[in-house]
C-alpha atoms as a PDB file:
ATOM      1  CA  MET A   1       0.000   0.000   0.000  1.00  0.00           C
ATOM      2  CA  GLU A   2       1.335   3.427  -0.974  1.00  0.00           C
ATOM      3  CA  ILE A   3       1.575   5.807   1.994  1.00  0.00           C
ATOM      4  CA  ILE A   4       3.477   8.704   0.327  1.00  0.00           C
ATOM      5  CA  THR A   5       3.215   9.690  -3.329  1.00  0.00           C
ATOM      6  CA  LEU A   6       5.013  12.422  -5.250  1.00  0.00           C
ATOM      7  CA  ASP A   7       3.527  12.962  -8.701  1.00  0.00           C
ATOM      8  CA  LYS A   8       5.677  14.968 -11.141  1.00  0.00           C
ATOM      9  CA  VAL A   9       6.849  17.313  -8.381  1.00  0.00           C
ATOM     10  CA  THR A  10       8.979  20.342  -9.248  1.00  0.00           C
ATOM     11  CA  LYS A  11      10.488  22.766  -6.743  1.00  0.00           C
ATOM     12  CA  CYS A  12      12.726  25.737  -7.538  1.00  0.00           C
ATOM     13  CA  TYR A  13      14.789  28.153  -5.449  1.00  0.00           C
ATOM     14  CA  ASP A  14      15.751  31.393  -7.238  1.00  0.00           C
ATOM     15  CA  LYS A  15      15.064  29.759 -10.615  1.00  0.00           C
ATOM     16  CA  GLU A  16      17.357  26.831  -9.758  1.00  0.00           C
ATOM     17  CA  TYR A  17      15.707  23.416  -9.750  1.00  0.00           C
ATOM     18  CA  ALA A  18      15.803  21.531  -6.433  1.00  0.00           C
ATOM     19  CA  LEU A  19      13.477  18.844  -7.846  1.00  0.00           C
ATOM     20  CA  LYS A  20      12.530  18.265 -11.485  1.00  0.00           C
ATOM     21  CA  GLU A  21       9.210  16.494 -12.162  1.00  0.00           C
ATOM     22  CA  LEU A  22      10.058  13.856  -9.576  1.00  0.00           C
ATOM     23  CA  SER A  23       7.618  10.961  -9.227  1.00  0.00           C
ATOM     24  CA  LEU A  24       7.957   8.522  -6.345  1.00  0.00           C
ATOM     25  CA  THR A  25       5.916   6.264  -4.090  1.00  0.00           C
ATOM     26  CA  VAL A  26       6.821   5.083  -0.597  1.00  0.00           C
ATOM     27  CA  ASN A  27       5.142   1.890   0.535  1.00  0.00           C
ATOM     28  CA  GLN A  28       3.665   1.338   3.967  1.00  0.00           C
ATOM     29  CA  GLY A  29       6.113  -0.334   6.340  1.00  0.00           C
ATOM     30  CA  GLU A  30       9.229   0.107   4.204  1.00  0.00           C
ATOM     31  CA  CYS A  31      12.421   2.032   4.866  1.00  0.00           C
ATOM     32  CA  LEU A  32      13.359   4.076   1.828  1.00  0.00           C
ATOM     33  CA  THR A  33      16.898   5.416   2.098  1.00  0.00           C
ATOM     34  CA  VAL A  34      17.871   8.431   0.012  1.00  0.00           C
ATOM     35  CA  ILE A  35      21.423   9.284  -1.024  1.00  0.00           C
ATOM     36  CA  GLY A  36      23.053  11.805  -3.336  1.00  0.00           C
ATOM     37  CA  ARG A  37      25.365  14.792  -3.467  1.00  0.00           C
ATOM     38  CA  SER A  38      24.792  17.841  -1.258  1.00  0.00           C
ATOM     39  CA  GLY A  39      22.162  20.046  -2.879  1.00  0.00           C
ATOM     40  CA  CYS A  40      20.609  17.269  -4.957  1.00  0.00           C
ATOM     41  CA  GLY A  41      17.143  17.799  -3.440  1.00  0.00           C
ATOM     42  CA  LYS A  42      17.056  15.217  -0.634  1.00  0.00           C
ATOM     43  CA  THR A  43      16.065  17.581   2.180  1.00  0.00           C
ATOM     44  CA  THR A  44      13.653  19.480  -0.096  1.00  0.00           C
ATOM     45  CA  MET A  45      11.893  16.189  -0.796  1.00  0.00           C
ATOM     46  CA  LEU A  46      11.523  15.455   2.932  1.00  0.00           C
ATOM     47  CA  LYS A  47      10.129  18.935   3.588  1.00  0.00           C
ATOM     48  CA  LEU A  48       7.545  18.432   0.839  1.00  0.00           C
ATOM     49  CA  MET A  49       6.487  15.141   2.439  1.00  0.00           C
ATOM     50  CA  ASN A  50       6.060  16.952   5.766  1.00  0.00           C
ATOM     51  CA  GLY A  51       4.182  19.917   4.317  1.00  0.00           C
ATOM     52  CA  LEU A  52       6.972  22.310   5.315  1.00  0.00           C
ATOM     53  CA  LEU A  53       7.205  23.197   1.617  1.00  0.00           C
ATOM     54  CA  LEU A  54       4.633  23.074  -1.169  1.00  0.00           C
ATOM     55  CA  PRO A  55       5.574  22.024  -4.714  1.00  0.00           C
ATOM     56  CA  ASP A  56       5.687  24.602  -7.495  1.00  0.00           C
ATOM     57  CA  THR A  57       4.069  22.034  -9.773  1.00  0.00           C
ATOM     58  CA  GLY A  58       2.889  18.478  -9.213  1.00  0.00           C
ATOM     59  CA  LYS A  59       1.158  16.815  -6.282  1.00  0.00           C
ATOM     60  CA  VAL A  60       2.233  15.333  -2.946  1.00  0.00           C
ATOM     61  CA  PHE A  61      -0.052  12.872  -1.165  1.00  0.00           C
ATOM     62  CA  VAL A  62       0.530  11.630   2.385  1.00  0.00           C
ATOM     63  CA  GLU A  63      -1.764   8.859   3.647  1.00  0.00           C
ATOM     64  CA  GLY A  64      -4.047   9.717   0.728  1.00  0.00           C
ATOM     65  CA  GLU A  65      -4.261  13.442   1.555  1.00  0.00           C
ATOM     66  CA  ASP A  66      -3.130  16.112  -0.897  1.00  0.00           C
ATOM     67  CA  ILE A  67      -0.857  18.428   1.105  1.00  0.00           C
ATOM     68  CA  HIS A  68      -2.283  21.415  -0.795  1.00  0.00           C
ATOM     69  CA  THR A  69      -5.633  20.903   0.945  1.00  0.00           C
ATOM     70  CA  ALA A  70      -4.636  18.991   4.099  1.00  0.00           C
ATOM     71  CA  ASP A  71      -4.575  20.405   7.627  1.00  0.00           C
ATOM     72  CA  LEU A  72      -0.778  20.762   7.684  1.00  0.00           C
ATOM     73  CA  ILE A  73      -0.463  21.194  11.448  1.00  0.00           C
ATOM     74  CA  ALA A  74      -2.416  17.992  12.041  1.00  0.00           C
ATOM     75  CA  LEU A  75      -0.423  16.256   9.298  1.00  0.00           C
ATOM     76  CA  ARG A  76       2.950  17.214  10.811  1.00  0.00           C
ATOM     77  CA  ARG A  77       1.873  15.990  14.222  1.00  0.00           C
ATOM     78  CA  ARG A  78       1.222  12.550  12.689  1.00  0.00           C
ATOM     79  CA  ILE A  79       4.701  12.412  11.176  1.00  0.00           C
ATOM     80  CA  GLY A  80       7.897  11.951  13.154  1.00  0.00           C
ATOM     81  CA  TYR A  81      10.721  14.213  11.967  1.00  0.00           C
ATOM     82  CA  VAL A  82      14.325  13.665  13.074  1.00  0.00           C
ATOM     83  CA  ILE A  83      17.263  15.834  12.021  1.00  0.00           C
ATOM     84  CA  GLN A  84      21.026  15.607  12.473  1.00  0.00           C
ATOM     85  CA  ASN A  85      21.374  18.089  15.339  1.00  0.00           C
ATOM     86  CA  LYS A  86      18.538  16.407  17.288  1.00  0.00           C
ATOM     87  CA  GLY A  87      16.614  19.692  17.593  1.00  0.00           C
ATOM     88  CA  LEU A  88      16.226  19.287  21.379  1.00  0.00           C
ATOM     89  CA  PHE A  89      15.260  22.254  23.541  1.00  0.00           C
ATOM     90  CA  PRO A  90      18.288  22.859  25.821  1.00  0.00           C
ATOM     91  CA  HIS A  91      16.223  24.458  28.601  1.00  0.00           C
ATOM     92  CA  MET A  92      13.858  21.464  28.866  1.00  0.00           C
ATOM     93  CA  THR A  93      14.472  18.159  30.584  1.00  0.00           C
ATOM     94  CA  VAL A  94      14.555  15.002  28.519  1.00  0.00           C
ATOM     95  CA  GLU A  95      11.034  14.163  29.687  1.00  0.00           C
ATOM     96  CA  LYS A  96       9.664  17.555  28.620  1.00  0.00           C
ATOM     97  CA  ASN A  97      11.449  17.311  25.269  1.00  0.00           C
ATOM     98  CA  ILE A  98       9.869  13.916  24.609  1.00  0.00           C
ATOM     99  CA  THR A  99       6.348  14.962  25.608  1.00  0.00           C
ATOM    100  CA  TYR A 100       6.461  18.348  23.861  1.00  0.00           C
ATOM    101  CA  VAL A 101       4.242  17.376  20.911  1.00  0.00           C
ATOM    102  CA  PRO A 102       1.593  15.558  23.022  1.00  0.00           C
ATOM    103  CA  VAL A 103       1.446  18.561  25.381  1.00  0.00           C
ATOM    104  CA  ILE A 104       0.973  21.151  22.609  1.00  0.00           C
ATOM    105  CA  SER A 105      -1.626  18.806  21.119  1.00  0.00           C
ATOM    106  CA  GLY A 106      -3.660  19.086  24.324  1.00  0.00           C
ATOM    107  CA  LYS A 107      -2.526  16.023  26.295  1.00  0.00           C
ATOM    108  CA  THR A 108      -1.734  17.707  29.609  1.00  0.00           C
ATOM    109  CA  ASN A 109      -2.173  14.849  32.084  1.00  0.00           C
ATOM    110  CA  LYS A 110       1.226  14.890  33.824  1.00  0.00           C
ATOM    111  CA  ALA A 111       1.059  11.294  35.046  1.00  0.00           C
ATOM    112  CA  GLU A 112       0.189   9.976  31.584  1.00  0.00           C
ATOM    113  CA  ASN A 113       2.905  12.058  29.945  1.00  0.00           C
ATOM    114  CA  HIS A 114       5.446  10.852  32.502  1.00  0.00           C
ATOM    115  CA  ARG A 115       4.540   7.226  31.748  1.00  0.00           C
ATOM    116  CA  LEU A 116       4.795   7.937  28.023  1.00  0.00           C
ATOM    117  CA  ALA A 117       8.270   9.466  28.424  1.00  0.00           C
ATOM    118  CA  LEU A 118       9.536   6.491  30.440  1.00  0.00           C
ATOM    119  CA  GLU A 119       8.033   4.034  27.953  1.00  0.00           C
ATOM    120  CA  LEU A 120       9.701   5.801  25.027  1.00  0.00           C
ATOM    121  CA  LEU A 121      13.055   6.054  26.798  1.00  0.00           C
ATOM    122  CA  LYS A 122      12.975   2.286  27.256  1.00  0.00           C
ATOM    123  CA  GLN A 123      11.907   1.827  23.634  1.00  0.00           C
ATOM    124  CA  VAL A 124      14.981   3.689  22.338  1.00  0.00           C
ATOM    125  CA  GLY A 125      17.348   1.942  24.757  1.00  0.00           C
ATOM    126  CA  LEU A 126      17.806   4.590  27.453  1.00  0.00           C
ATOM    127  CA  GLU A 127      17.466   4.338  31.233  1.00  0.00           C
ATOM    128  CA  GLU A 128      14.463   5.883  33.000  1.00  0.00           C
ATOM    129  CA  GLU A 129      16.802   8.069  35.086  1.00  0.00           C
ATOM    130  CA  MET A 130      17.597  10.036  31.925  1.00  0.00           C
ATOM    131  CA  ALA A 131      14.135  11.642  32.094  1.00  0.00           C
ATOM    132  CA  SER A 132      15.223  14.331  34.558  1.00  0.00           C
ATOM    133  CA  ARG A 133      18.450  15.244  32.766  1.00  0.00           C
ATOM    134  CA  TYR A 134      19.023  18.087  30.324  1.00  0.00           C
ATOM    135  CA  PRO A 135      20.366  17.593  26.773  1.00  0.00           C
ATOM    136  CA  SER A 136      23.764  19.058  27.708  1.00  0.00           C
ATOM    137  CA  GLU A 137      24.192  16.219  30.214  1.00  0.00           C
ATOM    138  CA  LEU A 138      23.883  13.533  27.532  1.00  0.00           C
ATOM    139  CA  SER A 139      26.303  12.142  24.972  1.00  0.00           C
ATOM    140  CA  GLY A 140      25.672  12.703  21.266  1.00  0.00           C
ATOM    141  CA  GLY A 141      24.249   9.218  20.855  1.00  0.00           C
ATOM    142  CA  GLN A 142      21.976   9.632  23.857  1.00  0.00           C
ATOM    143  CA  GLN A 143      20.711  12.964  22.529  1.00  0.00           C
ATOM    144  CA  GLN A 144      19.941  11.355  19.177  1.00  0.00           C
ATOM    145  CA  ARG A 145      17.975   8.595  20.911  1.00  0.00           C
ATOM    146  CA  VAL A 146      15.973  11.259  22.764  1.00  0.00           C
ATOM    147  CA  GLY A 147      15.316  12.952  19.418  1.00  0.00           C
ATOM    148  CA  ILE A 148      13.905   9.688  18.092  1.00  0.00           C
ATOM    149  CA  ALA A 149      11.855   9.178  21.266  1.00  0.00           C
ATOM    150  CA  ARG A 150      10.363  12.656  20.825  1.00  0.00           C
ATOM    151  CA  ALA A 151       9.499  11.872  17.209  1.00  0.00           C
ATOM    152  CA  LEU A 152       7.746   8.689  18.368  1.00  0.00           C
ATOM    153  CA  ALA A 153       5.738  10.462  21.082  1.00  0.00           C
ATOM    154  CA  ALA A 154       2.842  11.289  18.769  1.00  0.00           C
ATOM    155  CA  LYS A 155       2.701   7.611  17.713  1.00  0.00           C
ATOM    156  CA  PRO A 156       3.409   8.390  14.047  1.00  0.00           C
ATOM    157  CA  SER A 157       3.071   5.874  11.256  1.00  0.00           C
ATOM    158  CA  ILE A 158       5.704   7.764   9.224  1.00  0.00           C
ATOM    159  CA  MET A 159       9.211   8.831  10.238  1.00  0.00           C
ATOM    160  CA  LEU A 160      11.187  11.301   8.121  1.00  0.00           C
ATOM    161  CA  MET A 161      14.881  11.328   9.041  1.00  0.00           C
ATOM    162  CA  ASP A 162      17.404  13.816   7.642  1.00  0.00           C
ATOM    163  CA  GLU A 163      20.961  12.510   8.194  1.00  0.00           C
ATOM    164  CA  PRO A 164      20.130  11.778  11.846  1.00  0.00           C
ATOM    165  CA  PHE A 165      23.328   9.837  12.567  1.00  0.00           C
ATOM    166  CA  GLY A 166      25.743  11.954  10.521  1.00  0.00           C
ATOM    167  CA  ALA A 167      27.499  13.561  13.509  1.00  0.00           C
ATOM    168  CA  LEU A 168      27.952  10.348  15.513  1.00  0.00           C
ATOM    169  CA  ASP A 169      31.103   8.271  15.839  1.00  0.00           C
ATOM    170  CA  GLU A 170      31.155   5.009  13.891  1.00  0.00           C
ATOM    171  CA  ILE A 171      30.441   2.658  16.825  1.00  0.00           C
ATOM    172  CA  THR A 172      27.500   4.760  18.072  1.00  0.00           C
ATOM    173  CA  ARG A 173      26.264   5.160  14.524  1.00  0.00           C
ATOM    174  CA  GLN A 174      26.141   1.410  13.928  1.00  0.00           C
ATOM    175  CA  SER A 175      24.344   0.929  17.238  1.00  0.00           C
ATOM    176  CA  MET A 176      21.744   3.554  16.261  1.00  0.00           C
ATOM    177  CA  GLN A 177      21.256   1.904  12.867  1.00  0.00           C
ATOM    178  CA  ASP A 178      20.529  -1.423  14.572  1.00  0.00           C
ATOM    179  CA  GLU A 179      18.163   0.331  16.992  1.00  0.00           C
ATOM    180  CA  LEU A 180      16.274   1.936  14.118  1.00  0.00           C
ATOM    181  CA  LEU A 181      15.832  -1.403  12.336  1.00  0.00           C
ATOM    182  CA  ARG A 182      14.438  -2.869  15.557  1.00  0.00           C
ATOM    183  CA  LEU A 183      12.012   0.040  16.032  1.00  0.00           C
ATOM    184  CA  LYS A 184      10.857  -0.219  12.420  1.00  0.00           C
ATOM    185  CA  ALA A 185      10.052  -3.904  12.893  1.00  0.00           C
ATOM    186  CA  ASP A 186       8.445  -3.483  16.322  1.00  0.00           C
ATOM    187  CA  LEU A 187       6.330  -0.431  15.451  1.00  0.00           C
ATOM    188  CA  ARG A 188       5.742  -1.154  11.739  1.00  0.00           C
ATOM    189  CA  LEU A 189       6.994   2.285  10.809  1.00  0.00           C
ATOM    190  CA  THR A 190       7.318   3.711   7.332  1.00  0.00           C
ATOM    191  CA  ILE A 191      10.679   5.502   7.183  1.00  0.00           C
ATOM    192  CA  VAL A 192      12.239   7.869   4.657  1.00  0.00           C
ATOM    193  CA  PHE A 193      15.892   8.188   5.670  1.00  0.00           C
ATOM    194  CA  VAL A 194      18.279  10.679   4.055  1.00  0.00           C
ATOM    195  CA  THR A 195      21.988   9.914   4.359  1.00  0.00           C
ATOM    196  CA  HIS A 196      25.298  10.786   2.709  1.00  0.00           C
ATOM    197  CA  ASP A 197      26.735   7.346   3.563  1.00  0.00           C
ATOM    198  CA  ILE A 198      26.122   4.646   0.945  1.00  0.00           C
ATOM    199  CA  ARG A 199      26.929   1.891   3.467  1.00  0.00           C
ATOM    200  CA  GLU A 200      24.204   3.219   5.761  1.00  0.00           C
ATOM    201  CA  ALA A 201      21.781   3.500   2.847  1.00  0.00           C
ATOM    202  CA  MET A 202      22.420  -0.100   1.804  1.00  0.00           C
ATOM    203  CA  LYS A 203      22.146  -1.442   5.363  1.00  0.00           C
ATOM    204  CA  LEU A 204      18.902   0.303   6.309  1.00  0.00           C
ATOM    205  CA  GLY A 205      16.972   0.535   3.062  1.00  0.00           C
ATOM    206  CA  ASP A 206      14.384  -1.910   1.797  1.00  0.00           C
ATOM    207  CA  ARG A 207      14.848   0.257  -1.275  1.00  0.00           C
ATOM    208  CA  VAL A 208      17.534   2.849  -2.008  1.00  0.00           C
ATOM    209  CA  LEU A 209      16.841   6.066  -3.920  1.00  0.00           C
ATOM    210  CA  VAL A 210      19.916   7.587  -5.575  1.00  0.00           C
ATOM    211  CA  MET A 211      19.389  11.250  -6.529  1.00  0.00           C
ATOM    212  CA  ASP A 212      21.383  13.762  -8.529  1.00  0.00           C
ATOM    213  CA  ALA A 213      20.469  17.327  -9.523  1.00  0.00           C
ATOM    214  CA  GLY A 214      16.860  16.959  -8.364  1.00  0.00           C
ATOM    215  CA  GLU A 215      16.183  13.792 -10.304  1.00  0.00           C
ATOM    216  CA  ILE A 216      16.072  10.054  -9.650  1.00  0.00           C
ATOM    217  CA  VAL A 217      19.182   8.271 -10.903  1.00  0.00           C
ATOM    218  CA  GLN A 218      18.211   4.831  -9.590  1.00  0.00           C
ATOM    219  CA  LEU A 219      15.554   3.389  -7.280  1.00  0.00           C
ATOM    220  CA  ASP A 220      15.774  -0.269  -6.377  1.00  0.00           C
ATOM    221  CA  THR A 221      16.655  -2.760  -3.664  1.00  0.00           C
ATOM    222  CA  PRO A 222      20.197  -2.640  -2.254  1.00  0.00           C
ATOM    223  CA  GLU A 223      20.941  -6.005  -3.851  1.00  0.00           C
ATOM    224  CA  ARG A 224      19.879  -4.899  -7.344  1.00  0.00           C
ATOM    225  CA  ILE A 225      21.663  -1.559  -7.072  1.00  0.00           C
ATOM    226  CA  LYS A 226      24.847  -3.355  -6.072  1.00  0.00           C
ATOM    227  CA  SER A 227      24.471  -5.874  -8.910  1.00  0.00           C
ATOM    228  CA  PHE A 228      23.157  -3.495 -11.583  1.00  0.00           C
ATOM    229  CA  PRO A 229      24.305   0.106 -10.938  1.00  0.00           C
ATOM    230  CA  ALA A 230      22.556   2.467 -13.346  1.00  0.00           C
ATOM    231  CA  ASN A 231      25.582   4.584 -14.296  1.00  0.00           C
ATOM    232  CA  ASP A 232      29.082   5.725 -13.326  1.00  0.00           C
ATOM    233  CA  PHE A 233      27.695   7.967 -10.555  1.00  0.00           C
ATOM    234  CA  VAL A 234      26.102   4.985  -8.800  1.00  0.00           C
ATOM    235  CA  ARG A 235      29.193   2.845  -9.429  1.00  0.00           C
ATOM    236  CA  GLY A 236      31.293   5.562  -7.791  1.00  0.00           C
ATOM    237  CA  LEU A 237      29.067   5.547  -4.705  1.00  0.00           C
ATOM    238  CA  LEU A 238      29.312   1.789  -4.455  1.00  0.00           C
ATOM    239  CA  GLN A 239      33.102   1.852  -4.255  1.00  0.00           C
ATOM    240  CA  ALA A 240      32.706   2.709  -0.569  1.00  0.00           C
ATOM    241  CA  VAL A 241      30.734  -0.488   0.038  1.00  0.00           C
ATOM    242  CA  GLY A 242      33.388  -2.825  -1.336  1.00  0.00           C
END
């Protein structure tokens, strides 16, 4: 079942194309990883899926809703969004960071929110005692886990992730990748995951989308991309995989 659809989507900035008539579907329950050069349109595509941007031409549908006519605030609250710098509020405890979206959505029962925060901390592999700490008291990997917990707080069916592990050391990064695969399986999430690391894209993706200059270069399973790279650009990316 298709949960996200982009139909001939074009987006320009100052007359420069970020996306050129891009058509794409994301299936329910899959992890689609997205890789390409800086400026190739990866982040623009995520923002269109989240209603943070509207296409200049073409249509974007999320869970069957056209983002041109959807309630965008309600839509965004149903979608988890995780970015590289975690986006945590430094003046809030971990618990308040995690429960921020439920609280602004009207769920103000403190006991229920506390239980939710503890449940999500456990879900992302953190100890309950972390709830009372502030972001500055956590390691980079712990902060990223809190960022994921916050994205999960609204019980989304879709997670959009923009290079979330890019600033982490290799050991922590691999641990977070494994954690994400577990969460995807446990929660049946649909994930669109932008990365600049082809090894990460191949490990996490049910399908891998290779982009260049706002267009799709190749979209296929990791196995088929490795066996049948579409062009020299894809072959160059694959050199890092070995």
